[in-house]
Protein backbone atom coordinates (compact mmCIF):
# COMPACT_ATOMS: atom_id res chain seq x y z
CA MET A 1 -34.41 -22.18 88.95
CA SER A 2 -33.85 -24.14 85.64
CA GLU A 3 -30.41 -25.16 84.58
CA PRO A 4 -28.89 -23.26 81.61
CA ARG A 5 -28.91 -25.08 78.33
CA PHE A 6 -26.25 -24.47 75.71
CA ILE A 7 -25.91 -25.50 72.11
CA PRO A 8 -23.01 -25.26 69.60
CA LEU A 9 -22.69 -21.92 67.78
CA GLU A 10 -23.22 -23.18 64.27
CA SER A 11 -24.52 -19.92 62.66
CA TRP A 12 -21.26 -17.95 62.89
CA ILE A 13 -19.28 -17.61 59.68
CA GLU A 14 -15.61 -16.70 59.86
CA ARG A 15 -14.40 -14.32 57.10
CA SER A 16 -10.88 -13.12 56.12
CA PRO A 17 -9.81 -9.65 57.19
CA THR A 18 -10.03 -8.54 53.52
CA GLU A 19 -13.63 -9.88 53.23
CA MET A 20 -14.59 -8.31 56.62
CA THR A 21 -13.26 -4.96 55.57
CA ALA A 22 -15.13 -5.05 52.23
CA ARG A 23 -18.36 -6.16 53.83
CA ALA A 24 -18.15 -3.45 56.47
CA ALA A 25 -17.47 -0.78 53.84
CA GLU A 26 -20.33 -2.08 51.67
CA PHE A 27 -22.77 -2.03 54.62
CA ARG A 28 -21.53 1.44 55.66
CA ALA A 29 -22.12 2.81 52.15
CA ASP A 30 -25.66 1.26 52.11
CA VAL A 31 -26.75 2.73 55.45
CA GLN A 32 -25.09 6.03 54.61
CA ARG A 33 -27.79 6.39 51.91
CA ARG A 34 -30.51 6.21 54.52
CA ARG A 35 -32.36 9.43 55.10
CA THR A 36 -35.37 10.33 57.31
CA VAL A 37 -38.29 11.07 54.92
CA ARG A 38 -41.42 13.13 55.86
CA GLU A 39 -43.26 12.81 52.50
CA TYR A 40 -44.56 9.45 51.37
CA SER A 41 -46.17 7.86 48.38
CA ASP A 42 -49.45 5.95 49.11
CA ARG A 43 -48.05 3.06 46.99
CA PRO A 44 -48.88 -0.23 48.83
CA VAL A 45 -46.00 -2.24 50.36
CA PRO A 46 -46.17 -5.97 50.39
CA ARG A 47 -47.00 -7.23 53.89
CA GLY A 48 -44.30 -9.91 53.47
CA VAL A 49 -41.63 -7.21 53.41
CA ILE A 50 -42.84 -5.86 56.71
CA GLU A 51 -43.03 -9.26 58.24
CA GLU A 52 -39.50 -10.09 57.35
CA CYS A 53 -38.16 -6.82 58.71
CA LEU A 54 -40.04 -7.46 61.96
CA ARG A 55 -38.52 -10.90 62.19
CA ALA A 56 -35.09 -9.20 61.79
CA ALA A 57 -35.96 -6.81 64.62
CA GLY A 58 -36.93 -9.74 66.78
CA THR A 59 -33.40 -11.12 66.60
CA ALA A 60 -32.12 -8.27 68.76
CA PRO A 61 -30.33 -9.09 72.04
CA SER A 62 -32.33 -8.31 75.22
CA GLY A 63 -31.98 -8.37 79.04
CA ALA A 64 -32.29 -12.04 80.15
CA ASN A 65 -33.62 -12.76 76.64
CA HIS A 66 -37.07 -11.49 77.71
CA GLN A 67 -37.55 -9.78 74.33
CA PRO A 68 -39.64 -6.97 75.84
CA TRP A 69 -40.97 -5.49 72.63
CA HIS A 70 -44.23 -5.63 70.69
CA PHE A 71 -44.73 -4.25 67.21
CA VAL A 72 -48.17 -3.26 65.85
CA ALA A 73 -48.07 -2.83 62.05
CA VAL A 74 -50.92 -0.56 61.01
CA SER A 75 -52.16 -0.33 57.38
CA ASP A 76 -55.91 0.19 58.03
CA PRO A 77 -56.76 3.73 56.80
CA GLU A 78 -59.31 4.36 59.52
CA VAL A 79 -56.85 3.43 62.32
CA LYS A 80 -54.10 5.55 60.73
CA ALA A 81 -56.47 8.45 60.56
CA ARG A 82 -57.25 8.07 64.26
CA ILE A 83 -53.60 7.99 65.07
CA ARG A 84 -52.97 11.19 63.07
CA VAL A 85 -55.78 13.06 64.88
CA ALA A 86 -54.39 12.05 68.33
CA ALA A 87 -50.76 12.68 67.40
CA GLU A 88 -51.45 16.09 65.85
CA ALA A 89 -53.25 17.15 69.04
CA GLU A 90 -50.13 16.37 71.07
CA GLU A 91 -47.93 18.06 68.47
CA ARG A 92 -50.07 21.25 68.54
CA ALA A 93 -49.57 21.45 72.29
CA PHE A 94 -45.80 20.89 71.77
CA TYR A 95 -45.34 23.53 69.12
CA ARG A 96 -47.64 26.08 70.68
CA GLY A 97 -46.07 26.39 74.07
CA GLY A 98 -45.21 22.92 75.37
CA ALA A 99 -41.64 22.88 74.07
CA PRO A 100 -38.71 25.12 75.23
CA ARG A 101 -37.59 27.80 72.83
CA GLU A 102 -34.17 26.19 72.44
CA TRP A 103 -35.70 22.95 71.23
CA LEU A 104 -37.94 24.72 68.77
CA ASP A 105 -35.02 26.60 67.36
CA ALA A 106 -33.18 23.33 66.84
CA LEU A 107 -36.14 21.83 64.99
CA ALA A 108 -36.60 24.84 62.79
CA ALA A 109 -33.76 23.79 60.53
CA LEU A 110 -35.62 20.60 59.74
CA GLY A 111 -38.84 22.42 58.74
CA THR A 112 -41.15 20.39 61.09
CA ASP A 113 -44.40 21.49 62.53
CA GLU A 114 -47.58 20.10 64.10
CA HIS A 115 -48.96 18.83 60.71
CA LYS A 116 -48.29 15.15 60.15
CA PRO A 117 -49.97 14.02 56.89
CA PHE A 118 -47.49 11.18 56.56
CA LEU A 119 -49.36 9.34 59.33
CA GLU A 120 -52.12 8.76 56.83
CA THR A 121 -50.30 8.75 53.56
CA ALA A 122 -47.54 6.21 54.33
CA PRO A 123 -48.74 2.61 53.76
CA TYR A 124 -47.50 1.43 57.14
CA LEU A 125 -47.14 2.81 60.68
CA ILE A 126 -45.27 0.50 63.03
CA ALA A 127 -46.09 1.26 66.72
CA ILE A 128 -43.26 -0.09 68.88
CA PHE A 129 -44.19 -0.84 72.45
CA ALA A 130 -41.79 -1.54 75.35
CA GLU A 131 -43.02 -4.22 77.75
CA ARG A 132 -42.20 -3.13 81.21
CA TYR A 133 -43.05 -6.52 82.70
CA MET A 134 -44.50 -9.80 81.49
CA VAL A 135 -47.80 -11.33 82.79
CA VAL A 136 -47.43 -15.09 83.02
CA LYS A 137 -49.84 -17.87 83.86
CA GLY A 138 -51.97 -17.01 86.93
CA GLY A 139 -51.54 -13.26 86.38
CA ARG A 140 -48.11 -13.18 88.00
CA LYS A 141 -45.89 -10.21 86.96
CA VAL A 142 -42.32 -10.89 85.87
CA LYS A 143 -39.93 -7.94 85.68
CA ASN A 144 -38.17 -7.24 82.37
CA TYR A 145 -34.57 -6.01 82.34
CA TYR A 146 -32.84 -3.31 80.36
CA VAL A 147 -36.12 -2.63 78.57
CA GLN A 148 -35.18 0.75 77.02
CA GLU A 149 -31.80 -0.59 75.82
CA SER A 150 -33.36 -3.77 74.40
CA VAL A 151 -36.24 -2.09 72.60
CA GLY A 152 -33.84 0.61 71.24
CA ILE A 153 -31.53 -2.03 69.73
CA ALA A 154 -34.53 -3.82 68.20
CA THR A 155 -35.80 -0.59 66.72
CA GLY A 156 -32.38 0.21 65.23
CA ILE A 157 -32.32 -3.22 63.47
CA LEU A 158 -35.86 -2.63 62.23
CA ILE A 159 -35.04 0.76 60.71
CA THR A 160 -31.92 -0.74 59.04
CA ALA A 161 -33.89 -3.75 57.76
CA LEU A 162 -36.56 -1.50 56.26
CA HIS A 163 -33.92 0.58 54.55
CA HIS A 164 -32.13 -2.51 53.27
CA ALA A 165 -35.39 -3.75 51.85
CA GLY A 166 -35.82 -0.51 49.89
CA LEU A 167 -38.18 1.51 52.07
CA ALA A 168 -37.87 4.90 53.72
CA THR A 169 -38.60 5.54 57.37
CA LEU A 170 -39.44 8.25 59.88
CA THR A 171 -39.16 8.03 63.67
CA HIS A 172 -42.06 9.90 65.17
CA THR A 173 -42.36 10.49 68.88
CA PRO A 174 -45.32 12.67 69.92
CA SER A 175 -45.30 13.10 73.63
CA PRO A 176 -47.16 11.74 75.39
CA MET A 177 -48.04 8.63 73.25
CA ASN A 178 -50.53 6.90 75.60
CA PHE A 179 -53.16 7.29 72.94
CA LEU A 180 -51.51 4.42 71.08
CA ASN A 181 -52.39 2.00 73.85
CA GLU A 182 -56.04 2.97 73.54
CA ILE A 183 -56.29 3.08 69.68
CA LEU A 184 -54.37 -0.19 69.24
CA GLY A 185 -55.69 -2.03 72.23
CA ARG A 186 -52.36 -2.72 73.94
CA PRO A 187 -52.27 -3.73 77.58
CA PRO A 188 -51.00 -1.47 80.42
CA ASN A 189 -47.75 -3.31 80.85
CA GLU A 190 -46.70 -1.98 77.45
CA ARG A 191 -45.51 1.63 77.08
CA PRO A 192 -45.33 3.28 73.58
CA PHE A 193 -41.64 3.61 72.64
CA LEU A 194 -41.78 5.05 69.15
CA LEU A 195 -44.01 5.31 66.06
CA LEU A 196 -42.12 4.25 62.91
CA VAL A 197 -43.48 5.50 59.62
CA THR A 198 -42.43 3.46 56.52
CA GLY A 199 -43.13 3.23 52.83
CA TYR A 200 -41.88 4.61 49.43
CA PRO A 201 -40.75 8.22 49.40
CA ALA A 202 -42.99 10.60 47.47
CA ASP A 203 -41.97 11.55 43.96
CA GLU A 204 -39.33 14.40 43.93
CA VAL A 205 -39.28 14.35 47.75
CA ARG A 206 -36.79 16.82 49.30
CA VAL A 207 -34.86 16.26 52.55
CA PRO A 208 -32.89 18.67 54.77
CA ALA A 209 -29.27 19.40 53.77
CA ILE A 210 -27.50 17.89 56.78
CA THR A 211 -24.26 16.11 57.40
CA LYS A 212 -23.18 13.44 59.88
CA LYS A 213 -20.21 13.80 62.30
CA ALA A 214 -16.92 12.35 61.17
CA LEU A 215 -15.52 9.17 62.74
CA ALA A 216 -13.04 11.15 64.77
CA ALA A 217 -15.83 13.11 66.37
CA ILE A 218 -17.90 10.07 67.40
CA ALA A 219 -15.30 7.37 68.22
CA THR A 220 -12.07 7.02 70.16
CA PHE A 221 -9.61 4.11 69.91
CA ARG A 222 -7.41 3.30 72.91
């Protein structure tokens, strides 16, 4: 076992309470504008923007710092078309008998169905994979820890980074998603976690009239 190595924390910046409050409020106001979008423009997005957002996602904390995530950014129209065909097949099964009535009733208010044209229209699909274990030299398997939690945190940072950059997003989770491994050539130690759609919203796009819970409903101070 190797000895731990520590270095000085030089990246942290101390701020006054007034500045912290202002920055927190500014950030909250920015992310409060974020909305899930299901209709996209086909306007191209610079690859550099996606790269920077993925770098941001890669800063997420993870169990034992194993960083058990892999992101596949898809812009190729043919690959997106294949993903749409496979995803809509799973969605048809879901909406036509695979899902419990209660779940379908909850989704009805959002106006969703098995048709997913955004999978082809949006300039980028980012397939997020959770790495259950690493394969190191000699083919030895090394267990990853807190994989779901780690990949979930990285995904949250990615969604926020894309919003901050000026793009809209949609979290898409057809079930099962094993077709992503086949289409995107990912190894068996990686499990599809989520398909993130991103790009510019379509002109005059409309979103569901929803609200978020108040602070008192989601947080308790003791």
